[in-house]
C-alpha atoms as a PDB file:
ATOM      1  CA  MET A   1     272.537 -43.749  92.922  1.00  0.00           C
ATOM      2  CA  TYR A   2     269.166 -45.483  92.151  1.00  0.00           C
ATOM      3  CA  TYR A   3     270.889 -47.737  89.525  1.00  0.00           C
ATOM      4  CA  GLU A   4     272.682 -49.892  92.163  1.00  0.00           C
ATOM      5  CA  ILE A   5     271.681 -53.145  92.378  1.00  0.00           C
ATOM      6  CA  VAL A   6     270.932 -54.241  95.964  1.00  0.00           C
ATOM      7  CA  GLU A   7     269.784 -57.847  95.542  1.00  0.00           C
ATOM      8  CA  ALA A   8     270.465 -60.451  92.725  1.00  0.00           C
ATOM      9  CA  LYS A   9     269.297 -64.071  92.383  1.00  0.00           C
ATOM     10  CA  TYR A  10     270.423 -66.296  89.479  1.00  0.00           C
ATOM     11  CA  LEU A  11     267.046 -67.865  88.376  1.00  0.00           C
ATOM     12  CA  LYS A  12     267.875 -69.971  85.302  1.00  0.00           C
ATOM     13  CA  ASN A  13     269.184 -69.970  81.827  1.00  0.00           C
ATOM     14  CA  TYR A  14     270.309 -66.409  81.402  1.00  0.00           C
ATOM     15  CA  LEU A  15     267.501 -64.913  83.919  1.00  0.00           C
ATOM     16  CA  ILE A  16     268.414 -63.033  86.755  1.00  0.00           C
ATOM     17  CA  GLU A  17     266.250 -61.248  89.446  1.00  0.00           C
ATOM     18  CA  VAL A  18     267.404 -57.956  90.462  1.00  0.00           C
ATOM     19  CA  LYS A  19     266.318 -55.190  92.973  1.00  0.00           C
ATOM     20  CA  PHE A  20     267.695 -51.607  92.771  1.00  0.00           C
ATOM     21  CA  LEU A  21     268.255 -49.165  95.387  1.00  0.00           C
ATOM     22  CA  ASN A  22     265.192 -47.155  94.397  1.00  0.00           C
ATOM     23  CA  GLY A  23     262.939 -50.212  95.184  1.00  0.00           C
ATOM     24  CA  LYS A  24     262.105 -51.136  91.371  1.00  0.00           C
ATOM     25  CA  SER A  25     262.679 -54.991  90.586  1.00  0.00           C
ATOM     26  CA  GLY A  26     262.449 -57.519  87.883  1.00  0.00           C
ATOM     27  CA  ILE A  27     264.071 -59.877  85.851  1.00  0.00           C
ATOM     28  CA  VAL A  28     266.792 -59.332  83.297  1.00  0.00           C
ATOM     29  CA  ASP A  29     267.526 -61.595  80.428  1.00  0.00           C
ATOM     30  CA  LEU A  30     271.283 -61.682  79.411  1.00  0.00           C
ATOM     31  CA  GLU A  31     271.216 -64.088  76.880  1.00  0.00           C
ATOM     32  CA  GLU A  32     272.250 -61.845  74.079  1.00  0.00           C
ATOM     33  CA  TYR A  33     275.596 -61.123  76.149  1.00  0.00           C
ATOM     34  CA  LYS A  34     276.902 -64.648  75.314  1.00  0.00           C
ATOM     35  CA  ASN A  35     276.934 -63.415  71.446  1.00  0.00           C
ATOM     36  CA  LYS A  36     278.896 -60.103  72.164  1.00  0.00           C
ATOM     37  CA  GLY A  37     282.133 -61.791  71.731  1.00  0.00           C
ATOM     38  CA  GLY A  38     285.420 -60.814  73.710  1.00  0.00           C
ATOM     39  CA  ILE A  39     285.222 -61.228  77.390  1.00  0.00           C
ATOM     40  CA  PHE A  40     281.383 -62.119  77.335  1.00  0.00           C
ATOM     41  CA  SER A  41     282.271 -65.046  74.923  1.00  0.00           C
ATOM     42  CA  LYS A  42     282.722 -66.962  78.554  1.00  0.00           C
ATOM     43  CA  PHE A  43     278.642 -66.799  78.901  1.00  0.00           C
ATOM     44  CA  ASN A  44     278.416 -69.586  76.450  1.00  0.00           C
ATOM     45  CA  ASP A  45     279.340 -71.705  79.410  1.00  0.00           C
ATOM     46  CA  PRO A  46     276.112 -72.098  81.386  1.00  0.00           C
ATOM     47  CA  GLU A  47     277.927 -73.305  84.400  1.00  0.00           C
ATOM     48  CA  PHE A  48     280.234 -69.836  84.214  1.00  0.00           C
ATOM     49  CA  PHE A  49     277.157 -67.634  83.897  1.00  0.00           C
ATOM     50  CA  LYS A  50     275.396 -69.378  86.852  1.00  0.00           C
ATOM     51  CA  MET A  51     278.553 -67.953  89.141  1.00  0.00           C
ATOM     52  CA  VAL A  52     276.898 -64.393  88.983  1.00  0.00           C
ATOM     53  CA  LEU A  53     277.607 -62.406  91.895  1.00  0.00           C
ATOM     54  CA  LEU A  54     276.599 -59.069  93.412  1.00  0.00           C
ATOM     55  CA  ASN A  55     279.442 -56.471  94.084  1.00  0.00           C
ATOM     56  CA  LYS A  56     277.580 -54.851  97.022  1.00  0.00           C
ATOM     57  CA  GLU A  57     280.198 -51.991  97.054  1.00  0.00           C
ATOM     58  CA  PHE A  58     279.242 -50.897  93.466  1.00  0.00           C
ATOM     59  CA  GLY A  59     275.830 -52.226  93.152  1.00  0.00           C
ATOM     60  CA  VAL A  60     276.955 -54.396  89.944  1.00  0.00           C
ATOM     61  CA  LEU A  61     276.878 -57.873  88.592  1.00  0.00           C
ATOM     62  CA  THR A  62     280.094 -59.389  88.201  1.00  0.00           C
ATOM     63  CA  TRP A  63     281.149 -62.874  87.005  1.00  0.00           C
ATOM     64  CA  ASP A  64     284.766 -64.218  88.342  1.00  0.00           C
ATOM     65  CA  GLY A  65     285.682 -60.602  89.510  1.00  0.00           C
ATOM     66  CA  GLU A  66     286.650 -59.769  85.957  1.00  0.00           C
ATOM     67  CA  ILE A  67     283.564 -59.504  83.961  1.00  0.00           C
ATOM     68  CA  ASP A  68     280.626 -57.041  84.811  1.00  0.00           C
ATOM     69  CA  ILE A  69     277.673 -55.270  83.330  1.00  0.00           C
ATOM     70  CA  ALA A  70     276.857 -51.630  84.292  1.00  0.00           C
ATOM     71  CA  PRO A  71     274.143 -51.180  86.468  1.00  0.00           C
ATOM     72  CA  GLU A  72     272.677 -48.485  84.383  1.00  0.00           C
ATOM     73  CA  THR A  73     272.350 -51.214  81.647  1.00  0.00           C
ATOM     74  CA  ILE A  74     270.479 -53.765  83.738  1.00  0.00           C
ATOM     75  CA  TYR A  75     268.139 -51.122  85.003  1.00  0.00           C
ATOM     76  CA  SER A  76     267.458 -49.990  81.422  1.00  0.00           C
ATOM     77  CA  LEU A  77     266.430 -53.736  80.473  1.00  0.00           C
ATOM     78  CA  VAL A  78     264.503 -54.495  83.554  1.00  0.00           C
ATOM     79  CA  THR A  79     262.326 -51.517  83.558  1.00  0.00           C
ATOM     80  CA  GLY A  80     262.713 -50.297  79.748  1.00  0.00           C
ATOM     81  CA  GLU A  81     263.641 -46.730  80.482  1.00  0.00           C
ATOM     82  CA  PRO A  82     265.988 -45.336  78.343  1.00  0.00           C
ATOM     83  CA  LEU A  83     269.982 -45.457  79.362  1.00  0.00           C
ATOM     84  CA  PRO A  84     271.333 -42.029  81.082  1.00  0.00           C
ATOM     85  CA  ALA A  85     272.160 -39.669  78.378  1.00  0.00           C
ATOM     86  CA  TRP A  86     275.939 -40.164  79.312  1.00  0.00           C
ATOM     87  CA  MET A  87     275.632 -43.632  78.104  1.00  0.00           C
ATOM     88  CA  GLN A  88     273.682 -42.996  74.838  1.00  0.00           C
ATOM     89  CA  LYS A  89     275.758 -42.951  71.548  1.00  0.00           C
ATOM     90  CA  ASN A  90     275.838 -39.485  69.765  1.00  0.00           C
ATOM     91  CA  VAL A  91     273.491 -40.107  67.031  1.00  0.00           C
ATOM     92  CA  GLY A  92     274.159 -37.574  64.092  1.00  0.00           C
ATOM     93  CA  ASN A  93     277.745 -36.500  65.227  1.00  0.00           C
ATOM     94  CA  GLU A  94     279.230 -39.261  62.936  1.00  0.00           C
ATOM     95  CA  ALA A  95     281.488 -37.746  60.138  1.00  0.00           C
ATOM     96  CA  ALA A  96     279.641 -38.256  56.771  1.00  0.00           C
END
């Protein structure tokens, strides 16, 4: 799938340069993730965040083998394209 990340390079702070299977590339800023809580609270440690790895089998960014961010999300953040329909919230289907 073209969302797969084929190259990743930590730059600085929360910036990672990525290249996707379809040839698109750019820089993603993941600073907002440190405020999401839960497992992502580990991102408050800049040294931990710097340890980002690319799982080449799945084309996904990962940290310590336990944290990852969907490549579709990274693709959307880099390109500005919307998330795939299957990842979007069902707007208008909430109970009244």
